[in-house]
Structures are given as structure tokens and as C-alpha cells.
C-alpha atoms as a PDB file:
ATOM      1  CA  MET A   1      -0.071   0.130   0.129  1.00  0.00           C
ATOM      2  CA  LYS A   2       0.901   3.696  -0.133  1.00  0.00           C
ATOM      3  CA  ALA A   3       0.049   6.621   2.360  1.00  0.00           C
ATOM      4  CA  ALA A   4      -2.813   8.454   1.780  1.00  0.00           C
ATOM      5  CA  GLU A   5      -2.567  12.263   0.195  1.00  0.00           C
ATOM      6  CA  PHE A   6      -1.271  14.822   2.320  1.00  0.00           C
ATOM      7  CA  GLU A   7       0.193  17.580   2.696  1.00  0.00           C
ATOM      8  CA  TYR A   8       3.902  18.604   3.410  1.00  0.00           C
ATOM      9  CA  PHE A   9       5.367  21.382   5.768  1.00  0.00           C
ATOM     10  CA  ARG A  10       8.916  21.894   5.632  1.00  0.00           C
ATOM     11  CA  PRO A  11       9.746  24.341   8.377  1.00  0.00           C
ATOM     12  CA  THR A  12      13.500  25.740  10.071  1.00  0.00           C
ATOM     13  CA  THR A  13      12.570  27.305  13.136  1.00  0.00           C
ATOM     14  CA  LEU A  14      10.809  25.574  16.340  1.00  0.00           C
ATOM     15  CA  ASP A  15       8.446  29.089  15.988  1.00  0.00           C
ATOM     16  CA  GLU A  16       7.399  27.909  12.713  1.00  0.00           C
ATOM     17  CA  ALA A  17       6.806  24.382  13.693  1.00  0.00           C
ATOM     18  CA  CYS A  18       4.466  25.242  16.468  1.00  0.00           C
ATOM     19  CA  GLY A  19       2.860  27.962  14.266  1.00  0.00           C
ATOM     20  CA  LEU A  20       1.912  24.966  11.825  1.00  0.00           C
ATOM     21  CA  LEU A  21       0.853  23.100  14.626  1.00  0.00           C
ATOM     22  CA  ALA A  22      -1.462  25.590  15.487  1.00  0.00           C
ATOM     23  CA  ASP A  23      -3.297  26.593  12.108  1.00  0.00           C
ATOM     24  CA  THR A  24      -3.238  23.474  10.112  1.00  0.00           C
ATOM     25  CA  GLY A  25      -6.177  21.122  10.158  1.00  0.00           C
ATOM     26  CA  ASP A  26      -8.074  19.104  13.245  1.00  0.00           C
ATOM     27  CA  ASP A  27      -5.497  17.728  16.120  1.00  0.00           C
ATOM     28  CA  ALA A  28      -6.339  14.220  14.446  1.00  0.00           C
ATOM     29  CA  ASP A  29      -4.859  15.317  11.353  1.00  0.00           C
ATOM     30  CA  ARG A  30      -1.615  16.529  11.969  1.00  0.00           C
ATOM     31  CA  CYS A  31       0.913  14.755  12.676  1.00  0.00           C
ATOM     32  CA  LEU A  32       5.159  15.658  13.295  1.00  0.00           C
ATOM     33  CA  LEU A  33       7.852  13.686  11.297  1.00  0.00           C
ATOM     34  CA  ALA A  34      11.352  13.483  12.681  1.00  0.00           C
ATOM     35  CA  GLY A  35      12.917   9.818  12.371  1.00  0.00           C
ATOM     36  CA  GLY A  36       9.646   8.414  10.986  1.00  0.00           C
ATOM     37  CA  GLN A  37      10.717   4.796  12.041  1.00  0.00           C
ATOM     38  CA  THR A  38       7.062   4.283  13.318  1.00  0.00           C
ATOM     39  CA  LEU A  39       5.139   6.639  11.709  1.00  0.00           C
ATOM     40  CA  VAL A  40       6.207   6.310   7.670  1.00  0.00           C
ATOM     41  CA  PRO A  41       5.179   2.154   7.962  1.00  0.00           C
ATOM     42  CA  MET A  42       1.821   3.428   9.557  1.00  0.00           C
ATOM     43  CA  MET A  43       1.732   5.999   6.939  1.00  0.00           C
ATOM     44  CA  ALA A  44       2.525   2.843   4.193  1.00  0.00           C
ATOM     45  CA  MET A  45      -0.131   0.532   5.455  1.00  0.00           C
ATOM     46  CA  ARG A  46      -3.109   3.668   6.385  1.00  0.00           C
ATOM     47  CA  LEU A  47      -2.617   3.114   9.949  1.00  0.00           C
ATOM     48  CA  ALA A  48      -1.823   6.781  10.168  1.00  0.00           C
ATOM     49  CA  ARG A  49      -3.615   8.816   8.090  1.00  0.00           C
ATOM     50  CA  PRO A  50      -2.312  12.837   8.426  1.00  0.00           C
ATOM     51  CA  THR A  51      -3.786  15.605   6.059  1.00  0.00           C
ATOM     52  CA  HIS A  52      -0.832  17.652   7.467  1.00  0.00           C
ATOM     53  CA  LEU A  53       2.887  16.168   7.854  1.00  0.00           C
ATOM     54  CA  ILE A  54       5.412  18.632   9.387  1.00  0.00           C
ATOM     55  CA  ASP A  55       8.752  17.572   8.816  1.00  0.00           C
ATOM     56  CA  ILE A  56      11.128  19.062  11.938  1.00  0.00           C
ATOM     57  CA  ASN A  57      14.525  17.840  10.364  1.00  0.00           C
ATOM     58  CA  ARG A  58      16.030  21.184   9.300  1.00  0.00           C
ATOM     59  CA  ILE A  59      15.248  22.335  12.933  1.00  0.00           C
ATOM     60  CA  THR A  60      19.136  23.266  14.235  1.00  0.00           C
ATOM     61  CA  GLU A  61      17.161  23.674  17.813  1.00  0.00           C
ATOM     62  CA  LEU A  62      16.235  20.084  18.078  1.00  0.00           C
ATOM     63  CA  GLN A  63      20.035  19.209  17.648  1.00  0.00           C
ATOM     64  CA  GLY A  64      22.437  18.092  19.674  1.00  0.00           C
ATOM     65  CA  ILE A  65      24.298  16.926  23.149  1.00  0.00           C
ATOM     66  CA  ARG A  66      25.127  19.613  25.442  1.00  0.00           C
ATOM     67  CA  ASP A  67      27.174  18.679  28.552  1.00  0.00           C
ATOM     68  CA  LEU A  68      25.630  21.207  31.631  1.00  0.00           C
ATOM     69  CA  GLY A  69      27.940  19.797  34.043  1.00  0.00           C
ATOM     70  CA  GLY A  70      24.751  18.043  36.667  1.00  0.00           C
ATOM     71  CA  SER A  71      23.093  17.231  33.621  1.00  0.00           C
ATOM     72  CA  VAL A  72      23.462  16.533  30.000  1.00  0.00           C
ATOM     73  CA  GLU A  73      20.633  17.965  27.670  1.00  0.00           C
ATOM     74  CA  ILE A  74      19.835  16.005  24.472  1.00  0.00           C
ATOM     75  CA  GLY A  75      18.021  17.930  21.678  1.00  0.00           C
ATOM     76  CA  ALA A  76      14.477  15.666  20.927  1.00  0.00           C
ATOM     77  CA  GLY A  77      15.793  15.577  17.276  1.00  0.00           C
ATOM     78  CA  THR A  78      18.882  14.254  17.763  1.00  0.00           C
ATOM     79  CA  ARG A  79      19.744  10.810  16.355  1.00  0.00           C
ATOM     80  CA  GLN A  80      19.515   7.629  18.696  1.00  0.00           C
ATOM     81  CA  ARG A  81      23.314   6.655  16.823  1.00  0.00           C
ATOM     82  CA  ALA A  82      24.461  10.218  17.166  1.00  0.00           C
ATOM     83  CA  VAL A  83      23.959   9.893  20.913  1.00  0.00           C
ATOM     84  CA  GLU A  84      25.207   5.778  21.042  1.00  0.00           C
ATOM     85  CA  LYS A  85      28.614   6.887  19.890  1.00  0.00           C
ATOM     86  CA  ASP A  86      28.976  10.525  21.694  1.00  0.00           C
ATOM     87  CA  PRO A  87      31.664  10.333  24.304  1.00  0.00           C
ATOM     88  CA  ILE A  88      29.130  12.414  26.807  1.00  0.00           C
ATOM     89  CA  THR A  89      26.590   9.866  26.834  1.00  0.00           C
ATOM     90  CA  ARG A  90      29.481   6.700  27.428  1.00  0.00           C
ATOM     91  CA  ARG A  91      30.727   9.149  30.501  1.00  0.00           C
ATOM     92  CA  LYS A  92      27.931  10.931  32.072  1.00  0.00           C
ATOM     93  CA  LEU A  93      25.591   8.929  30.912  1.00  0.00           C
ATOM     94  CA  PRO A  94      26.075   5.260  31.364  1.00  0.00           C
ATOM     95  CA  LEU A  95      22.805   3.770  31.510  1.00  0.00           C
ATOM     96  CA  LEU A  96      21.758   5.161  28.198  1.00  0.00           C
ATOM     97  CA  ALA A  97      24.535   4.191  26.853  1.00  0.00           C
ATOM     98  CA  ALA A  98      23.818   0.278  27.814  1.00  0.00           C
ATOM     99  CA  ALA A  99      20.504   0.345  26.470  1.00  0.00           C
ATOM    100  CA  LEU A 100      20.869   2.481  23.021  1.00  0.00           C
ATOM    101  CA  PRO A 101      22.548  -1.110  21.266  1.00  0.00           C
ATOM    102  CA  HIS A 102      18.990  -2.405  21.643  1.00  0.00           C
ATOM    103  CA  VAL A 103      17.623  -0.183  20.165  1.00  0.00           C
ATOM    104  CA  GLY A 104      16.169  -1.443  17.121  1.00  0.00           C
ATOM    105  CA  HIS A 105      19.449  -1.945  14.309  1.00  0.00           C
ATOM    106  CA  HIS A 106      21.648   0.854  13.259  1.00  0.00           C
ATOM    107  CA  GLN A 107      20.079   1.777  10.056  1.00  0.00           C
ATOM    108  CA  THR A 108      17.268   2.571  12.426  1.00  0.00           C
ATOM    109  CA  ARG A 109      19.403   4.074  14.916  1.00  0.00           C
ATOM    110  CA  ASN A 110      21.049   6.363  11.813  1.00  0.00           C
ATOM    111  CA  ARG A 111      17.540   7.480  11.397  1.00  0.00           C
ATOM    112  CA  GLY A 112      15.460   7.345  14.716  1.00  0.00           C
ATOM    113  CA  THR A 113      15.796   9.918  17.541  1.00  0.00           C
ATOM    114  CA  VAL A 114      15.744  10.595  20.966  1.00  0.00           C
ATOM    115  CA  GLY A 115      13.030  12.428  20.862  1.00  0.00           C
ATOM    116  CA  GLY A 116      10.672  10.495  19.046  1.00  0.00           C
ATOM    117  CA  SER A 117      11.037   7.088  20.974  1.00  0.00           C
ATOM    118  CA  ILE A 118       9.847   9.102  24.162  1.00  0.00           C
ATOM    119  CA  VAL A 119       6.764  10.575  22.082  1.00  0.00           C
ATOM    120  CA  LEU A 120       5.825   7.269  20.589  1.00  0.00           C
ATOM    121  CA  GLY A 121       5.403   6.053  24.244  1.00  0.00           C
ATOM    122  CA  ASP A 122       5.645   2.326  23.464  1.00  0.00           C
ATOM    123  CA  ALA A 123       5.993   0.362  26.967  1.00  0.00           C
ATOM    124  CA  SER A 124       8.857  -1.714  25.589  1.00  0.00           C
ATOM    125  CA  ALA A 125      11.076   0.710  23.985  1.00  0.00           C
ATOM    126  CA  GLU A 126      14.264   1.263  25.636  1.00  0.00           C
ATOM    127  CA  ILE A 127      14.730   5.260  25.667  1.00  0.00           C
ATOM    128  CA  PRO A 128      11.207   5.539  27.382  1.00  0.00           C
ATOM    129  CA  LEU A 129      12.513   3.168  30.140  1.00  0.00           C
ATOM    130  CA  VAL A 130      15.430   5.206  30.685  1.00  0.00           C
ATOM    131  CA  ALA A 131      14.449   8.459  30.783  1.00  0.00           C
ATOM    132  CA  LEU A 132      11.813   7.245  33.633  1.00  0.00           C
ATOM    133  CA  ILE A 133      14.539   4.681  35.813  1.00  0.00           C
ATOM    134  CA  LEU A 134      16.529   8.747  35.598  1.00  0.00           C
ATOM    135  CA  ASN A 135      13.352  10.584  35.770  1.00  0.00           C
ATOM    136  CA  ALA A 136      14.486  13.000  32.862  1.00  0.00           C
ATOM    137  CA  THR A 137      13.531  16.765  32.161  1.00  0.00           C
ATOM    138  CA  LEU A 138      11.128  16.856  29.374  1.00  0.00           C
ATOM    139  CA  ILE A 139      10.767  20.707  27.865  1.00  0.00           C
ATOM    140  CA  ILE A 140       8.171  20.783  25.633  1.00  0.00           C
ATOM    141  CA  HIS A 141       7.360  24.171  23.908  1.00  0.00           C
ATOM    142  CA  ARG A 142       4.089  24.837  21.691  1.00  0.00           C
ATOM    143  CA  ARG A 143       3.056  28.730  20.084  1.00  0.00           C
ATOM    144  CA  ASP A 144       1.775  30.079  23.478  1.00  0.00           C
ATOM    145  CA  GLY A 145       5.181  28.807  25.381  1.00  0.00           C
ATOM    146  CA  ARG A 146       7.292  26.843  27.116  1.00  0.00           C
ATOM    147  CA  ARG A 147       6.389  23.865  30.057  1.00  0.00           C
ATOM    148  CA  GLU A 148       9.021  21.676  31.627  1.00  0.00           C
ATOM    149  CA  THR A 149       7.640  18.186  33.004  1.00  0.00           C
ATOM    150  CA  MET A 150       9.328  14.706  34.478  1.00  0.00           C
ATOM    151  CA  ALA A 151       9.721  11.351  32.990  1.00  0.00           C
ATOM    152  CA  ASP A 152       7.515  10.476  36.007  1.00  0.00           C
ATOM    153  CA  GLY A 153       4.161  10.700  35.140  1.00  0.00           C
ATOM    154  CA  PHE A 154       4.470  11.322  31.347  1.00  0.00           C
ATOM    155  CA  PHE A 155       3.515   7.641  30.133  1.00  0.00           C
ATOM    156  CA  GLU A 156       0.300   7.473  30.774  1.00  0.00           C
ATOM    157  CA  GLY A 157      -0.908   4.482  28.714  1.00  0.00           C
ATOM    158  CA  PRO A 158      -0.306   2.211  25.761  1.00  0.00           C
ATOM    159  CA  MET A 159       1.241   4.734  23.474  1.00  0.00           C
ATOM    160  CA  MET A 160      -0.392   8.100  25.461  1.00  0.00           C
ATOM    161  CA  THR A 161       1.766  10.004  26.776  1.00  0.00           C
ATOM    162  CA  ALA A 162       0.975  13.866  28.445  1.00  0.00           C
ATOM    163  CA  LEU A 163       1.759  15.646  25.210  1.00  0.00           C
ATOM    164  CA  GLU A 164      -1.151  17.846  24.033  1.00  0.00           C
ATOM    165  CA  PRO A 165      -2.412  18.894  20.866  1.00  0.00           C
ATOM    166  CA  GLY A 166      -0.066  21.394  19.752  1.00  0.00           C
ATOM    167  CA  ASP A 167       3.099  20.844  22.352  1.00  0.00           C
ATOM    168  CA  ILE A 168       6.461  19.363  20.411  1.00  0.00           C
ATOM    169  CA  LEU A 169       9.234  18.022  22.776  1.00  0.00           C
ATOM    170  CA  THR A 170      12.338  19.405  22.011  1.00  0.00           C
ATOM    171  CA  THR A 171      14.821  18.778  24.822  1.00  0.00           C
ATOM    172  CA  ILE A 172      15.321  15.923  27.154  1.00  0.00           C
ATOM    173  CA  ARG A 173      17.876  16.634  29.830  1.00  0.00           C
ATOM    174  CA  PHE A 174      19.040  13.705  31.657  1.00  0.00           C
ATOM    175  CA  PRO A 175      20.283  14.037  35.441  1.00  0.00           C
ATOM    176  CA  VAL A 176      24.070  13.195  35.780  1.00  0.00           C
ATOM    177  CA  TRP A 177      24.506  10.862  38.929  1.00  0.00           C
ATOM    178  CA  ASP A 178      27.784  11.919  41.277  1.00  0.00           C
ATOM    179  CA  GLY A 179      30.062   9.906  43.327  1.00  0.00           C
ATOM    180  CA  THR A 180      30.513   5.449  42.235  1.00  0.00           C
ATOM    181  CA  THR A 181      28.316   4.290  40.169  1.00  0.00           C
ATOM    182  CA  GLY A 182      27.525   2.031  38.378  1.00  0.00           C
ATOM    183  CA  SER A 183      24.560   0.829  35.407  1.00  0.00           C
ATOM    184  CA  ALA A 184      23.529  -1.566  33.446  1.00  0.00           C
ATOM    185  CA  PHE A 185      20.855  -2.900  30.973  1.00  0.00           C
ATOM    186  CA  HIS A 186      19.343  -6.068  29.710  1.00  0.00           C
ATOM    187  CA  GLU A 187      16.581  -7.378  28.096  1.00  0.00           C
ATOM    188  CA  VAL A 188      14.901 -10.290  26.249  1.00  0.00           C
ATOM    189  CA  ALA A 189      13.493 -10.147  22.463  1.00  0.00           C
ATOM    190  CA  PRO A 190      12.575 -12.852  19.798  1.00  0.00           C
ATOM    191  CA  ARG A 191      15.707 -11.536  17.174  1.00  0.00           C
ATOM    192  CA  LYS A 192      18.361  -9.169  18.260  1.00  0.00           C
ATOM    193  CA  GLY A 193      16.692  -6.023  17.221  1.00  0.00           C
ATOM    194  CA  ASP A 194      13.011  -6.488  18.039  1.00  0.00           C
ATOM    195  CA  TYR A 195      11.161  -4.979  20.512  1.00  0.00           C
ATOM    196  CA  ALA A 196      11.892  -6.345  23.853  1.00  0.00           C
ATOM    197  CA  LEU A 197       9.287  -8.626  25.557  1.00  0.00           C
ATOM    198  CA  VAL A 198      11.174  -7.714  29.157  1.00  0.00           C
ATOM    199  CA  SER A 199      13.459  -5.167  29.294  1.00  0.00           C
ATOM    200  CA  ALA A 200      15.122  -4.065  32.817  1.00  0.00           C
ATOM    201  CA  GLY A 201      17.634  -1.380  33.247  1.00  0.00           C
ATOM    202  CA  ALA A 202      19.373  -0.271  37.070  1.00  0.00           C
ATOM    203  CA  GLN A 203      21.846   2.213  38.030  1.00  0.00           C
ATOM    204  CA  VAL A 204      23.276   2.547  41.530  1.00  0.00           C
ATOM    205  CA  ALA A 205      25.559   4.437  43.170  1.00  0.00           C
ATOM    206  CA  LEU A 206      27.608   3.392  46.709  1.00  0.00           C
ATOM    207  CA  ASP A 207      29.681   5.315  48.933  1.00  0.00           C
ATOM    208  CA  ALA A 208      33.112   4.393  49.934  1.00  0.00           C
ATOM    209  CA  ASN A 209      32.190   1.971  52.621  1.00  0.00           C
ATOM    210  CA  GLY A 210      30.525  -0.324  49.699  1.00  0.00           C
ATOM    211  CA  THR A 211      26.921   1.482  50.808  1.00  0.00           C
ATOM    212  CA  CYS A 212      24.450   2.005  49.138  1.00  0.00           C
ATOM    213  CA  ILE A 213      22.893   5.647  48.815  1.00  0.00           C
ATOM    214  CA  ARG A 214      20.878   5.492  46.006  1.00  0.00           C
ATOM    215  CA  ALA A 215      19.388   2.882  43.336  1.00  0.00           C
ATOM    216  CA  ALA A 216      16.880   3.317  40.428  1.00  0.00           C
ATOM    217  CA  ILE A 217      15.375   0.501  38.570  1.00  0.00           C
ATOM    218  CA  GLY A 218      12.584   0.163  36.436  1.00  0.00           C
ATOM    219  CA  VAL A 219      11.333  -2.376  33.893  1.00  0.00           C
ATOM    220  CA  GLY A 220       9.859  -2.179  30.386  1.00  0.00           C
ATOM    221  CA  GLY A 221       7.684  -4.606  28.668  1.00  0.00           C
ATOM    222  CA  CYS A 222       5.761  -5.142  32.136  1.00  0.00           C
ATOM    223  CA  ALA A 223       2.749  -2.925  31.916  1.00  0.00           C
ATOM    224  CA  PRO A 224       1.235  -0.710  29.637  1.00  0.00           C
ATOM    225  CA  THR A 225       3.830   1.581  30.509  1.00  0.00           C
ATOM    226  CA  PRO A 226       7.535   1.749  31.263  1.00  0.00           C
ATOM    227  CA  LEU A 227       7.636   1.318  34.761  1.00  0.00           C
ATOM    228  CA  ARG A 228       9.956   1.896  38.102  1.00  0.00           C
ATOM    229  CA  LEU A 229      10.175   0.130  40.732  1.00  0.00           C
ATOM    230  CA  GLN A 230      10.447   2.123  44.038  1.00  0.00           C
ATOM    231  CA  ALA A 231       9.940  -0.645  46.119  1.00  0.00           C
ATOM    232  CA  VAL A 232      12.541  -2.814  45.035  1.00  0.00           C
ATOM    233  CA  GLU A 233      14.575   0.923  45.418  1.00  0.00           C
ATOM    234  CA  ASP A 234      13.497   1.258  48.700  1.00  0.00           C
ATOM    235  CA  ALA A 235      15.120  -1.858  49.991  1.00  0.00           C
ATOM    236  CA  LEU A 236      18.537  -1.460  48.533  1.00  0.00           C
ATOM    237  CA  VAL A 237      18.830   1.914  49.688  1.00  0.00           C
ATOM    238  CA  GLY A 238      21.413   1.813  53.058  1.00  0.00           C
ATOM    239  CA  GLN A 239      22.123  -1.400  52.974  1.00  0.00           C
ATOM    240  CA  ARG A 240      25.472  -3.248  51.885  1.00  0.00           C
ATOM    241  CA  LEU A 241      24.039  -4.690  47.931  1.00  0.00           C
ATOM    242  CA  THR A 242      25.013  -8.513  48.783  1.00  0.00           C
ATOM    243  CA  ASP A 243      24.003 -11.521  46.326  1.00  0.00           C
ATOM    244  CA  ALA A 244      21.283 -12.010  49.120  1.00  0.00           C
ATOM    245  CA  LEU A 245      19.770  -9.285  49.300  1.00  0.00           C
ATOM    246  CA  ILE A 246      19.551  -8.324  46.158  1.00  0.00           C
ATOM    247  CA  THR A 247      17.468 -11.963  45.697  1.00  0.00           C
ATOM    248  CA  GLN A 248      15.193 -10.734  49.042  1.00  0.00           C
ATOM    249  CA  ALA A 249      14.868  -6.695  47.848  1.00  0.00           C
ATOM    250  CA  ILE A 250      13.724  -8.635  43.950  1.00  0.00           C
ATOM    251  CA  ALA A 251      11.074 -11.372  45.550  1.00  0.00           C
ATOM    252  CA  PRO A 252       7.910  -8.818  44.833  1.00  0.00           C
ATOM    253  CA  VAL A 253       8.822  -7.737  41.079  1.00  0.00           C
ATOM    254  CA  PRO A 254       6.699 -10.043  40.314  1.00  0.00           C
ATOM    255  CA  ASP A 255       3.225  -8.554  42.074  1.00  0.00           C
ATOM    256  CA  LEU A 256       4.417  -4.969  41.031  1.00  0.00           C
ATOM    257  CA  ILE A 257       4.401  -5.438  37.991  1.00  0.00           C
ATOM    258  CA  ASP A 258       1.404  -5.660  35.667  1.00  0.00           C
ATOM    259  CA  PRO A 259       1.903  -7.731  32.009  1.00  0.00           C
ATOM    260  CA  GLU A 260      -0.423  -8.788  29.772  1.00  0.00           C
ATOM    261  CA  SER A 261       0.035 -11.963  27.206  1.00  0.00           C
ATOM    262  CA  SER A 262       0.644 -11.756  23.828  1.00  0.00           C
ATOM    263  CA  VAL A 263       1.272 -14.334  20.761  1.00  0.00           C
ATOM    264  CA  HIS A 264       5.045 -13.366  21.839  1.00  0.00           C
ATOM    265  CA  ALA A 265       5.100 -14.218  25.277  1.00  0.00           C
ATOM    266  CA  SER A 266       2.314 -14.354  27.998  1.00  0.00           C
ATOM    267  CA  ALA A 267       1.699 -12.671  30.640  1.00  0.00           C
ATOM    268  CA  ALA A 268       2.961 -15.923  33.038  1.00  0.00           C
ATOM    269  CA  TYR A 269       6.851 -15.815  31.083  1.00  0.00           C
ATOM    270  CA  ARG A 270       6.861 -12.108  31.405  1.00  0.00           C
ATOM    271  CA  ARG A 271       6.267 -12.368  35.464  1.00  0.00           C
ATOM    272  CA  ARG A 272       8.952 -14.752  35.675  1.00  0.00           C
ATOM    273  CA  ALA A 273      11.615 -13.353  33.227  1.00  0.00           C
ATOM    274  CA  ALA A 274      10.982  -9.531  34.697  1.00  0.00           C
ATOM    275  CA  PRO A 275      13.011 -10.217  38.388  1.00  0.00           C
ATOM    276  CA  GLN A 276      15.526 -12.224  36.452  1.00  0.00           C
ATOM    277  CA  LEU A 277      16.582  -9.715  34.100  1.00  0.00           C
ATOM    278  CA  VAL A 278      16.482  -6.722  37.065  1.00  0.00           C
ATOM    279  CA  GLN A 279      18.815  -9.427  39.591  1.00  0.00           C
ATOM    280  CA  ARG A 280      21.073  -9.646  36.658  1.00  0.00           C
ATOM    281  CA  ALA A 281      20.840  -5.626  35.917  1.00  0.00           C
ATOM    282  CA  LEU A 282      21.625  -5.183  39.527  1.00  0.00           C
ATOM    283  CA  LEU A 283      24.584  -7.545  40.061  1.00  0.00           C
ATOM    284  CA  ASP A 284      26.187  -5.975  36.866  1.00  0.00           C
ATOM    285  CA  ALA A 285      25.629  -2.077  38.021  1.00  0.00           C
ATOM    286  CA  LEU A 286      27.246  -3.323  41.511  1.00  0.00           C
ATOM    287  CA  SER A 287      29.771  -5.182  39.836  1.00  0.00           C
ATOM    288  CA  GLU A 288      30.346  -1.655  37.795  1.00  0.00           C
ATOM    289  CA  ALA A 289      30.162   0.226  40.801  1.00  0.00           C
ATOM    290  CA  ARG A 290      32.955  -1.541  43.074  1.00  0.00           C
ATOM    291  CA  PRO A 291      36.419  -0.713  42.524  1.00  0.00           C
END
């Protein structure tokens, strides 16, 4: 099949793009085109039929990686592959660096954008999960102003986010952890590059005595949205992390998630896999954090 007829716009500034979103058609008829790795196939199958397609690839304000010291800002239109290869990401955002190789294939990461993945809000996608685990700040623009929201609360349901009609996600600000930290990301998928059946990411910080002073843990593919496992984090903070303690802390994981069955994996399988992946991520993060 081929895409249905549409009008094509290619703004070069953020203000122009916001104006087009506000002025062209009904809300359901307007789509932004960034990487297009999801939108273009949907249009080809006529599962998406925008009448106005706004290509934001030439907006330089949406590009780039900026080291701000205590945080790293990534333009929403920055290619996933560029973030994966950037030394700032590897040095200051190790959890994101660990997750990115799991995102699709080299070819799709060459086109896909960081912001596009977050806006899509797929519960199995890696970048939204990392944004949630680290509780990134999302900077959103529209014609009448700018607002910031946290990743915690941004994902509202299956492919549903807190973006409102006319909004454009412009920047993702990831906090940088100080001190001795370790991070790891694991997932299982039908084939390399496929969406994860279950994924898990963990980042921990230790003090000089090896006590956990901070932990951030989450799972994907186990609920309508990515999930942060606050109860597991609370069980680890203030403790010296041992294999036995980690095993005890992850015991509630099957009761903290809400997976559904699909043609690829049953809910029961996801409940079995999730704690195993969380444990693996925590052990690897701990190993990385220890000298």
C-alpha cells in the first residue's frame, strides 16, 4: 500500500513548526515527522492518515548533546546513533549508553530520534524506560509558551503520553549522578533488534564503605507503560548490597508489574523473566560500581 494523500511542510525554526501545528487542520490530522521509523510504515499501511505532515528534521534547535555539568541535555531530534556514539553519553549517562545498542538496528538508529521514541511512549521501548528510571526532565514547547515535566508521570498508557495538541518535545535533560556509580541494562527479545519482551535497567551509587546511597530501577514490557520499581529501590538504599540482599529485594517484582499476554510471550513468562532481568541488571551495576 501507499500513504494517503497529505500536505507536506518543512519548517526550519521551532516557532514556525509550532505555528504550523496550531494552524493546520484538526488535531488528529497533524503529524510531526522526525525519524519516521514508526510513522512512515504506519502511513504506508494507512494505519495513520495525517492530512498535514510537518517535517522537523531541519530545525537545528532540536539537535545536539550539551554537557551542563550536573545534567546532559539531548535535543529531541538528535539521532539515536549519534547519542550512542557520543563520548558524553558514555561518560555521563552510562545507563542510556548501555540501553541504546538494544534499540532496533544500526540502520534504524541512524534515522530514529531520541525524542521520537519518548513521544511514541511504547512500554517495551528502551529509551522511554531509561528516561523514566533516571526521571529525566522533558522540555516541551508550543506556540504560546514552554513548560517542563518529569518523565515520571509523562507516560499515561499504551502509546499515550502527557503531550497535548500543539506540543513539541524539544529537549530531554538527563541528570548526571555523582560519585561511585554503576549501571546495566538487559532485555530479552524474539530477535536482536526486535521490541523487548521484557527489559530491565538499574543504576546504583555507593559510598566509600560500599553502602548503597541511591538506586534507580525499572522494567519495560511488563505493564501498559514503563515502570519504575520504587519498592525495590527502597529495599536497597542504606544497605551493603550482597547477592542475598538483592535476591530478597527483587522478590516482590512479580506482584509489582502488570503484564499482558501476546502472541510473542505470555503474562506468566513476563512475570518469571522480569525479576531475573532485574537481578542481572543489579548485579552487573553493583560490579561496575565497586572498585
